[in-house]
C-alpha atoms as a PDB file:
ATOM      1  CA  UNK A   1     183.981 158.721 -36.208  1.00  0.00           C
ATOM      2  CA  UNK A   2     185.164 158.500 -32.422  1.00  0.00           C
ATOM      3  CA  UNK A   3     188.874 158.514 -31.382  1.00  0.00           C
ATOM      4  CA  UNK A   4     188.064 155.015 -29.808  1.00  0.00           C
ATOM      5  CA  UNK A   5     187.013 153.945 -33.590  1.00  0.00           C
ATOM      6  CA  UNK A   6     189.960 155.706 -34.917  1.00  0.00           C
ATOM      7  CA  UNK A   7     191.980 154.072 -32.515  1.00  0.00           C
ATOM      8  CA  UNK A   8     190.503 150.594 -33.546  1.00  0.00           C
ATOM      9  CA  UNK A   9     191.424 151.111 -37.160  1.00  0.00           C
ATOM     10  CA  UNK A  10     194.951 151.681 -36.493  1.00  0.00           C
ATOM     11  CA  UNK A  11     195.119 148.727 -33.923  1.00  0.00           C
ATOM     12  CA  UNK A  12     193.521 146.500 -36.795  1.00  0.00           C
ATOM     13  CA  UNK A  13     195.433 147.949 -39.509  1.00  0.00           C
ATOM     14  CA  UNK A  14     192.486 148.346 -41.684  1.00  0.00           C
ATOM     15  CA  UNK A  15     193.093 151.037 -44.297  1.00  0.00           C
ATOM     16  CA  UNK A  16     190.835 153.847 -44.406  1.00  0.00           C
ATOM     17  CA  UNK A  17     189.341 156.312 -47.141  1.00  0.00           C
ATOM     18  CA  UNK A  18     187.101 159.331 -46.496  1.00  0.00           C
ATOM     19  CA  UNK A  19     186.664 162.455 -48.776  1.00  0.00           C
ATOM     20  CA  UNK A  20     186.942 166.102 -47.631  1.00  0.00           C
ATOM     21  CA  UNK A  21     185.971 169.279 -49.981  1.00  0.00           C
ATOM     22  CA  UNK A  22     185.763 166.927 -52.691  1.00  0.00           C
ATOM     23  CA  UNK A  23     189.040 165.440 -52.229  1.00  0.00           C
ATOM     24  CA  UNK A  24     189.885 161.450 -51.557  1.00  0.00           C
ATOM     25  CA  UNK A  25     192.338 161.095 -48.771  1.00  0.00           C
ATOM     26  CA  UNK A  26     193.844 157.642 -47.706  1.00  0.00           C
ATOM     27  CA  UNK A  27     194.925 156.044 -44.803  1.00  0.00           C
ATOM     28  CA  UNK A  28     197.657 152.888 -44.857  1.00  0.00           C
ATOM     29  CA  UNK A  29     200.338 150.669 -43.287  1.00  0.00           C
ATOM     30  CA  UNK A  30     203.896 150.000 -44.010  1.00  0.00           C
ATOM     31  CA  UNK A  31     207.480 149.626 -42.565  1.00  0.00           C
ATOM     32  CA  UNK A  32     210.700 151.730 -43.410  1.00  0.00           C
ATOM     33  CA  UNK A  33     214.053 152.096 -41.695  1.00  0.00           C
ATOM     34  CA  UNK A  34     212.346 153.825 -38.713  1.00  0.00           C
ATOM     35  CA  UNK A  35     210.209 151.143 -38.212  1.00  0.00           C
ATOM     36  CA  UNK A  36     206.235 150.426 -38.643  1.00  0.00           C
ATOM     37  CA  UNK A  37     204.220 153.431 -40.107  1.00  0.00           C
ATOM     38  CA  UNK A  38     201.047 154.835 -40.776  1.00  0.00           C
ATOM     39  CA  UNK A  39     200.321 156.674 -44.424  1.00  0.00           C
ATOM     40  CA  UNK A  40     197.959 159.694 -44.017  1.00  0.00           C
ATOM     41  CA  UNK A  41     196.957 162.180 -46.243  1.00  0.00           C
ATOM     42  CA  UNK A  42     195.891 162.967 -49.992  1.00  0.00           C
ATOM     43  CA  UNK A  43     195.649 159.934 -52.822  1.00  0.00           C
ATOM     44  CA  UNK A  44     199.140 159.437 -53.602  1.00  0.00           C
ATOM     45  CA  UNK A  45     200.444 162.079 -51.354  1.00  0.00           C
ATOM     46  CA  UNK A  46     200.291 160.476 -47.676  1.00  0.00           C
ATOM     47  CA  UNK A  47     202.496 161.496 -45.129  1.00  0.00           C
ATOM     48  CA  UNK A  48     203.961 158.760 -42.912  1.00  0.00           C
ATOM     49  CA  UNK A  49     203.491 158.996 -38.975  1.00  0.00           C
ATOM     50  CA  UNK A  50     205.105 156.596 -36.556  1.00  0.00           C
ATOM     51  CA  UNK A  51     202.446 156.677 -33.985  1.00  0.00           C
ATOM     52  CA  UNK A  52     198.979 157.635 -32.867  1.00  0.00           C
ATOM     53  CA  UNK A  53     199.989 160.682 -31.073  1.00  0.00           C
ATOM     54  CA  UNK A  54     202.004 161.913 -33.987  1.00  0.00           C
ATOM     55  CA  UNK A  55     199.102 161.718 -36.077  1.00  0.00           C
ATOM     56  CA  UNK A  56     196.542 163.659 -33.498  1.00  0.00           C
ATOM     57  CA  UNK A  57     199.314 166.318 -32.912  1.00  0.00           C
ATOM     58  CA  UNK A  58     200.936 166.983 -36.530  1.00  0.00           C
ATOM     59  CA  UNK A  59     198.399 165.391 -38.843  1.00  0.00           C
ATOM     60  CA  UNK A  60     196.679 168.275 -41.418  1.00  0.00           C
ATOM     61  CA  UNK A  61     193.928 168.133 -44.022  1.00  0.00           C
ATOM     62  CA  UNK A  62     193.566 170.974 -45.753  1.00  0.00           C
ATOM     63  CA  UNK A  63     194.151 174.093 -43.127  1.00  0.00           C
ATOM     64  CA  UNK A  64     192.849 171.948 -40.169  1.00  0.00           C
ATOM     65  CA  UNK A  65     194.341 169.501 -37.924  1.00  0.00           C
ATOM     66  CA  UNK A  66     193.374 165.653 -38.617  1.00  0.00           C
ATOM     67  CA  UNK A  67     191.998 166.086 -34.738  1.00  0.00           C
ATOM     68  CA  UNK A  68     189.449 168.368 -35.266  1.00  0.00           C
ATOM     69  CA  UNK A  69     187.848 166.945 -38.514  1.00  0.00           C
ATOM     70  CA  UNK A  70     187.837 163.377 -37.014  1.00  0.00           C
ATOM     71  CA  UNK A  71     184.006 163.829 -35.475  1.00  0.00           C
ATOM     72  CA  UNK A  72     182.458 164.599 -39.065  1.00  0.00           C
ATOM     73  CA  UNK A  73     184.581 161.719 -41.026  1.00  0.00           C
END
């Protein structure tokens, strides 16, 4: 998946699932007291991020930054 494909998923709020090393990860959306968020992480253990930039700078899958794994998804 390219960075542009990922941005399109976020802009259209399309849910996304992928498997990495046999573990299921999801991306969903919601709103809380801080505003709209993107929940990304293992199934039932997502972490909330509030922007695309925050995901690219902070999100980790296993011991790798999500941005490094984006191309293989």
